[in-house]
Amino acid sequence: MSTALQMTAFGLALLSTVFLLLATCTDCWMVNADDSLEVSHKCRGLWRECVTNMQDGVRTCDQYDSILADHPVKIVVTRTLLITADLLAGLALATLLLGLDCIKFLKEDPRVKLKMCYGAGVILGVGSILGLVGSVWYAVDVYLERAMLVSHNIFLGVHYDFGWSCWLGMAGSMGCFVASILLTCCLY
């Protein structure tokens, strides 16, 4: 039972960590949600903004000026929280890998291996909370920005909605949280 639970938690943590890394690196946190006929598809990410021409499929991206430049708070906070979540999830994954019963590392001391799995669960839990806060922070800010424009009857030509990178960050964070629960609560 313990080995199956460990392997399930490891698989879920691995997949969720990949989701978090992809969410951090990809460019579609906000997508244009205008209902009119569009000739281009616009995505805004944490690192750059991209426009894809729908007729010929040509994609062009504009990098943000600098990492240290003045950026909106939602970008700075989301970058910080997601990078920290990525690092913690990677650390937890390495610790969990060494703590698995099927790995020969520290085979003679099963209590230490169990503590490593528990520690990996705690680290995953902290990383998942940071990733979820970052993703939800960004999504709420996008929603509030759109709601403010709609309430003031301001139409700028393009309205943005949550992109697939935002959803990927939320899914990765939730997966890490479930793996954390499996490792901290169910393993004992």
C-alpha atoms as a PDB file:
ATOM      1  CA  MET A   1       0.000   0.000   0.000  1.00  0.00           C
ATOM      2  CA  SER A   2       2.761   2.422   0.951  1.00  0.00           C
ATOM      3  CA  THR A   3       4.730   1.844  -2.248  1.00  0.00           C
ATOM      4  CA  ALA A   4       1.654   2.339  -4.443  1.00  0.00           C
ATOM      5  CA  LEU A   5       0.803   5.545  -2.568  1.00  0.00           C
ATOM      6  CA  GLN A   6       4.373   6.810  -2.930  1.00  0.00           C
ATOM      7  CA  MET A   7       4.421   6.073  -6.658  1.00  0.00           C
ATOM      8  CA  THR A   8       1.045   7.768  -7.152  1.00  0.00           C
ATOM      9  CA  ALA A   9       2.246  10.841  -5.266  1.00  0.00           C
ATOM     10  CA  PHE A  10       5.514  10.856  -7.239  1.00  0.00           C
ATOM     11  CA  GLY A  11       3.715  10.609 -10.597  1.00  0.00           C
ATOM     12  CA  LEU A  12       1.285  13.363  -9.644  1.00  0.00           C
ATOM     13  CA  ALA A  13       4.097  15.567  -8.305  1.00  0.00           C
ATOM     14  CA  LEU A  14       6.142  15.047 -11.470  1.00  0.00           C
ATOM     15  CA  LEU A  15       3.244  15.925 -13.774  1.00  0.00           C
ATOM     16  CA  SER A  16       2.256  18.904 -11.637  1.00  0.00           C
ATOM     17  CA  THR A  17       5.821  20.226 -11.546  1.00  0.00           C
ATOM     18  CA  VAL A  18       5.968  20.038 -15.347  1.00  0.00           C
ATOM     19  CA  PHE A  19       2.660  21.968 -15.473  1.00  0.00           C
ATOM     20  CA  LEU A  20       4.057  24.651 -13.157  1.00  0.00           C
ATOM     21  CA  LEU A  21       7.248  24.979 -15.202  1.00  0.00           C
ATOM     22  CA  LEU A  22       5.277  25.244 -18.441  1.00  0.00           C
ATOM     23  CA  ALA A  23       2.959  27.848 -16.933  1.00  0.00           C
ATOM     24  CA  THR A  24       5.926  29.938 -15.824  1.00  0.00           C
ATOM     25  CA  CYS A  25       7.649  29.795 -19.214  1.00  0.00           C
ATOM     26  CA  THR A  26       4.707  30.139 -21.617  1.00  0.00           C
ATOM     27  CA  ASP A  27       3.186  33.320 -22.970  1.00  0.00           C
ATOM     28  CA  CYS A  28      -0.561  32.939 -22.736  1.00  0.00           C
ATOM     29  CA  TRP A  29      -1.648  34.108 -19.279  1.00  0.00           C
ATOM     30  CA  MET A  30      -4.135  36.525 -20.846  1.00  0.00           C
ATOM     31  CA  VAL A  31      -5.820  36.027 -24.230  1.00  0.00           C
ATOM     32  CA  ASN A  32      -7.975  38.434 -26.198  1.00  0.00           C
ATOM     33  CA  ALA A  33     -11.625  37.621 -25.565  1.00  0.00           C
ATOM     34  CA  ASP A  34     -13.267  40.020 -27.983  1.00  0.00           C
ATOM     35  CA  ASP A  35     -16.359  38.543 -29.621  1.00  0.00           C
ATOM     36  CA  SER A  36     -15.906  40.329 -32.935  1.00  0.00           C
ATOM     37  CA  LEU A  37     -14.108  38.825 -35.886  1.00  0.00           C
ATOM     38  CA  GLU A  38     -10.411  39.060 -35.163  1.00  0.00           C
ATOM     39  CA  VAL A  39      -7.574  38.813 -37.639  1.00  0.00           C
ATOM     40  CA  SER A  40      -5.052  38.230 -34.873  1.00  0.00           C
ATOM     41  CA  HIS A  41      -4.844  36.313 -31.612  1.00  0.00           C
ATOM     42  CA  LYS A  42      -3.122  38.196 -28.784  1.00  0.00           C
ATOM     43  CA  CYS A  43      -1.569  36.593 -25.716  1.00  0.00           C
ATOM     44  CA  ARG A  44       0.134  38.275 -22.783  1.00  0.00           C
ATOM     45  CA  GLY A  45       2.508  36.333 -20.604  1.00  0.00           C
ATOM     46  CA  LEU A  46       4.813  36.957 -17.695  1.00  0.00           C
ATOM     47  CA  TRP A  47       7.824  37.555 -19.944  1.00  0.00           C
ATOM     48  CA  ARG A  48       6.466  38.806 -23.275  1.00  0.00           C
ATOM     49  CA  GLU A  49       3.400  39.584 -25.371  1.00  0.00           C
ATOM     50  CA  CYS A  50       2.705  37.641 -28.574  1.00  0.00           C
ATOM     51  CA  VAL A  51       0.405  38.241 -31.538  1.00  0.00           C
ATOM     52  CA  THR A  52      -0.497  35.487 -34.003  1.00  0.00           C
ATOM     53  CA  ASN A  53      -1.959  36.408 -37.380  1.00  0.00           C
ATOM     54  CA  MET A  54      -4.948  34.086 -37.921  1.00  0.00           C
ATOM     55  CA  GLN A  55      -4.720  34.234 -41.723  1.00  0.00           C
ATOM     56  CA  ASP A  56      -1.147  33.105 -42.269  1.00  0.00           C
ATOM     57  CA  GLY A  57      -0.180  31.808 -38.792  1.00  0.00           C
ATOM     58  CA  VAL A  58       2.792  34.147 -38.375  1.00  0.00           C
ATOM     59  CA  ARG A  59       3.586  34.737 -34.717  1.00  0.00           C
ATOM     60  CA  THR A  60       5.522  37.744 -33.443  1.00  0.00           C
ATOM     61  CA  CYS A  61       6.490  38.366 -29.839  1.00  0.00           C
ATOM     62  CA  ASP A  62       7.647  41.473 -28.015  1.00  0.00           C
ATOM     63  CA  GLN A  63       9.843  40.864 -24.978  1.00  0.00           C
ATOM     64  CA  TYR A  64       9.185  43.074 -21.996  1.00  0.00           C
ATOM     65  CA  ASP A  65      11.941  45.674 -21.607  1.00  0.00           C
ATOM     66  CA  SER A  66      13.799  44.183 -18.678  1.00  0.00           C
ATOM     67  CA  ILE A  67      13.168  41.912 -15.747  1.00  0.00           C
ATOM     68  CA  LEU A  68      14.082  44.800 -13.443  1.00  0.00           C
ATOM     69  CA  ALA A  69      11.994  47.435 -15.266  1.00  0.00           C
ATOM     70  CA  ASP A  70       8.779  48.831 -13.821  1.00  0.00           C
ATOM     71  CA  HIS A  71       6.077  46.278 -14.543  1.00  0.00           C
ATOM     72  CA  PRO A  72       2.506  45.940 -13.294  1.00  0.00           C
ATOM     73  CA  VAL A  73       2.306  44.433  -9.818  1.00  0.00           C
ATOM     74  CA  LYS A  74       0.424  41.371 -11.100  1.00  0.00           C
ATOM     75  CA  ILE A  75       3.357  40.415 -13.347  1.00  0.00           C
ATOM     76  CA  VAL A  76       6.033  40.935 -10.679  1.00  0.00           C
ATOM     77  CA  VAL A  77       4.123  39.058  -7.969  1.00  0.00           C
ATOM     78  CA  THR A  78       3.128  36.208 -10.271  1.00  0.00           C
ATOM     79  CA  ARG A  79       6.694  35.818 -11.563  1.00  0.00           C
ATOM     80  CA  THR A  80       8.090  35.733  -8.039  1.00  0.00           C
ATOM     81  CA  LEU A  81       5.535  33.295  -6.672  1.00  0.00           C
ATOM     82  CA  LEU A  82       5.694  30.932  -9.648  1.00  0.00           C
ATOM     83  CA  ILE A  83       9.488  30.837  -9.804  1.00  0.00           C
ATOM     84  CA  THR A  84       9.576  30.081  -6.068  1.00  0.00           C
ATOM     85  CA  ALA A  85       6.900  27.393  -6.518  1.00  0.00           C
ATOM     86  CA  ASP A  86       8.915  25.864  -9.386  1.00  0.00           C
ATOM     87  CA  LEU A  87      12.059  25.723  -7.279  1.00  0.00           C
ATOM     88  CA  LEU A  88      10.253  24.225  -4.280  1.00  0.00           C
ATOM     89  CA  ALA A  89       8.457  21.642  -6.439  1.00  0.00           C
ATOM     90  CA  GLY A  90      11.777  20.627  -8.019  1.00  0.00           C
ATOM     91  CA  LEU A  91      13.420  20.290  -4.595  1.00  0.00           C
ATOM     92  CA  ALA A  92      10.476  18.280  -3.303  1.00  0.00           C
ATOM     93  CA  LEU A  93      10.591  16.027  -6.357  1.00  0.00           C
ATOM     94  CA  ALA A  94      14.302  15.276  -5.820  1.00  0.00           C
ATOM     95  CA  THR A  95      13.725  14.622  -2.108  1.00  0.00           C
ATOM     96  CA  LEU A  96      10.732  12.399  -2.848  1.00  0.00           C
ATOM     97  CA  LEU A  97      12.693  10.444  -5.444  1.00  0.00           C
ATOM     98  CA  LEU A  98      15.385   9.649  -2.884  1.00  0.00           C
ATOM     99  CA  GLY A  99      12.760   8.762  -0.277  1.00  0.00           C
ATOM    100  CA  LEU A 100      10.857   6.251  -2.410  1.00  0.00           C
ATOM    101  CA  ASP A 101      10.947   2.652  -1.124  1.00  0.00           C
ATOM    102  CA  CYS A 102      11.900   1.334  -4.565  1.00  0.00           C
ATOM    103  CA  ILE A 103      15.129   3.419  -4.657  1.00  0.00           C
ATOM    104  CA  LYS A 104      18.172   1.797  -3.058  1.00  0.00           C
ATOM    105  CA  PHE A 105      19.365   5.039  -1.406  1.00  0.00           C
ATOM    106  CA  LEU A 106      19.324   4.594   2.430  1.00  0.00           C
ATOM    107  CA  LYS A 107      17.633   1.200   2.049  1.00  0.00           C
ATOM    108  CA  GLU A 108      18.819   0.114   5.512  1.00  0.00           C
ATOM    109  CA  ASP A 109      16.999   2.951   7.296  1.00  0.00           C
ATOM    110  CA  PRO A 110      13.303   3.033   6.312  1.00  0.00           C
ATOM    111  CA  ARG A 111      12.429   5.672   8.940  1.00  0.00           C
ATOM    112  CA  VAL A 112      14.737   8.201   7.279  1.00  0.00           C
ATOM    113  CA  LYS A 113      13.170   7.411   3.902  1.00  0.00           C
ATOM    114  CA  LEU A 114       9.709   7.946   5.388  1.00  0.00           C
ATOM    115  CA  LYS A 115      10.819  11.298   6.829  1.00  0.00           C
ATOM    116  CA  MET A 116      12.167  12.263   3.407  1.00  0.00           C
ATOM    117  CA  CYS A 117       8.765  11.505   1.856  1.00  0.00           C
ATOM    118  CA  TYR A 118       7.055  13.509   4.577  1.00  0.00           C
ATOM    119  CA  GLY A 119       9.488  16.419   4.093  1.00  0.00           C
ATOM    120  CA  ALA A 120       8.899  16.304   0.338  1.00  0.00           C
ATOM    121  CA  GLY A 121       5.168  16.502   1.033  1.00  0.00           C
ATOM    122  CA  VAL A 122       5.601  19.585   3.210  1.00  0.00           C
ATOM    123  CA  ILE A 123       7.804  21.294   0.605  1.00  0.00           C
ATOM    124  CA  LEU A 124       5.296  20.419  -2.128  1.00  0.00           C
ATOM    125  CA  GLY A 125       2.514  21.875  -0.004  1.00  0.00           C
ATOM    126  CA  VAL A 126       4.318  25.190   0.434  1.00  0.00           C
ATOM    127  CA  GLY A 127       5.167  25.318  -3.274  1.00  0.00           C
ATOM    128  CA  SER A 128       1.597  24.520  -4.261  1.00  0.00           C
ATOM    129  CA  ILE A 129       0.211  27.305  -2.100  1.00  0.00           C
ATOM    130  CA  LEU A 130       2.665  29.813  -3.594  1.00  0.00           C
ATOM    131  CA  GLY A 131       1.846  28.695  -7.147  1.00  0.00           C
ATOM    132  CA  LEU A 132      -1.881  28.815  -6.500  1.00  0.00           C
ATOM    133  CA  VAL A 133      -1.682  32.269  -4.925  1.00  0.00           C
ATOM    134  CA  GLY A 134       0.350  33.533  -7.897  1.00  0.00           C
ATOM    135  CA  SER A 135      -2.020  32.062 -10.491  1.00  0.00           C
ATOM    136  CA  VAL A 136      -5.173  33.191  -8.713  1.00  0.00           C
ATOM    137  CA  TRP A 137      -3.669  36.647  -8.063  1.00  0.00           C
ATOM    138  CA  TYR A 138      -3.098  37.070 -11.797  1.00  0.00           C
ATOM    139  CA  ALA A 139      -6.549  35.735 -12.716  1.00  0.00           C
ATOM    140  CA  VAL A 140      -8.338  37.976 -10.218  1.00  0.00           C
ATOM    141  CA  ASP A 141      -6.418  40.999 -11.466  1.00  0.00           C
ATOM    142  CA  VAL A 142      -7.397  40.191 -15.071  1.00  0.00           C
ATOM    143  CA  TYR A 143     -11.032  39.805 -13.996  1.00  0.00           C
ATOM    144  CA  LEU A 144     -11.041  43.067 -12.032  1.00  0.00           C
ATOM    145  CA  GLU A 145      -9.418  44.938 -14.914  1.00  0.00           C
ATOM    146  CA  ARG A 146     -12.073  43.680 -17.310  1.00  0.00           C
ATOM    147  CA  ALA A 147     -14.928  44.319 -14.860  1.00  0.00           C
ATOM    148  CA  MET A 148     -13.736  47.884 -14.294  1.00  0.00           C
ATOM    149  CA  LEU A 149     -13.672  48.596 -18.032  1.00  0.00           C
ATOM    150  CA  VAL A 150     -17.132  47.076 -18.524  1.00  0.00           C
ATOM    151  CA  SER A 151     -18.629  48.966 -15.577  1.00  0.00           C
ATOM    152  CA  HIS A 152     -17.339  52.260 -16.974  1.00  0.00           C
ATOM    153  CA  ASN A 153     -18.516  51.405 -20.517  1.00  0.00           C
ATOM    154  CA  ILE A 154     -14.979  51.685 -21.821  1.00  0.00           C
ATOM    155  CA  PHE A 155     -14.234  49.700 -24.963  1.00  0.00           C
ATOM    156  CA  LEU A 156     -10.580  49.618 -25.946  1.00  0.00           C
ATOM    157  CA  GLY A 157     -11.037  47.185 -28.833  1.00  0.00           C
ATOM    158  CA  VAL A 158      -9.629  44.160 -27.022  1.00  0.00           C
ATOM    159  CA  HIS A 159     -10.790  42.544 -23.804  1.00  0.00           C
ATOM    160  CA  TYR A 160      -8.578  39.960 -22.188  1.00  0.00           C
ATOM    161  CA  ASP A 161      -9.603  36.750 -20.446  1.00  0.00           C
ATOM    162  CA  PHE A 162      -7.676  33.996 -18.618  1.00  0.00           C
ATOM    163  CA  GLY A 163      -5.261  32.159 -20.897  1.00  0.00           C
ATOM    164  CA  TRP A 164      -4.259  28.527 -20.885  1.00  0.00           C
ATOM    165  CA  SER A 165      -0.999  29.299 -19.042  1.00  0.00           C
ATOM    166  CA  CYS A 166      -3.025  30.642 -16.114  1.00  0.00           C
ATOM    167  CA  TRP A 167      -5.138  27.486 -16.032  1.00  0.00           C
ATOM    168  CA  LEU A 168      -1.985  25.355 -16.328  1.00  0.00           C
ATOM    169  CA  GLY A 169      -0.492  27.139 -13.311  1.00  0.00           C
ATOM    170  CA  MET A 170      -3.637  26.500 -11.291  1.00  0.00           C
ATOM    171  CA  ALA A 171      -3.763  22.829 -12.341  1.00  0.00           C
ATOM    172  CA  GLY A 172      -0.088  22.313 -11.518  1.00  0.00           C
ATOM    173  CA  SER A 173      -0.509  23.945  -8.121  1.00  0.00           C
ATOM    174  CA  MET A 174      -3.563  21.853  -7.292  1.00  0.00           C
ATOM    175  CA  GLY A 175      -1.764  18.680  -8.384  1.00  0.00           C
ATOM    176  CA  CYS A 176       1.173  19.514  -6.114  1.00  0.00           C
ATOM    177  CA  PHE A 177      -1.273  20.156  -3.282  1.00  0.00           C
ATOM    178  CA  VAL A 178      -2.959  16.771  -3.745  1.00  0.00           C
ATOM    179  CA  ALA A 179       0.454  15.044  -3.878  1.00  0.00           C
ATOM    180  CA  SER A 180       1.375  16.898  -0.693  1.00  0.00           C
ATOM    181  CA  ILE A 181      -1.754  15.630   1.049  1.00  0.00           C
ATOM    182  CA  LEU A 182      -0.992  12.088  -0.092  1.00  0.00           C
ATOM    183  CA  LEU A 183       2.537  12.309   1.296  1.00  0.00           C
ATOM    184  CA  THR A 184       1.813  14.079   4.585  1.00  0.00           C
ATOM    185  CA  CYS A 185      -1.568  12.695   5.613  1.00  0.00           C
ATOM    186  CA  CYS A 186      -2.074   9.345   3.927  1.00  0.00           C
ATOM    187  CA  LEU A 187       1.440   7.894   4.048  1.00  0.00           C
ATOM    188  CA  TYR A 188       1.502   7.471   7.818  1.00  0.00           C
END
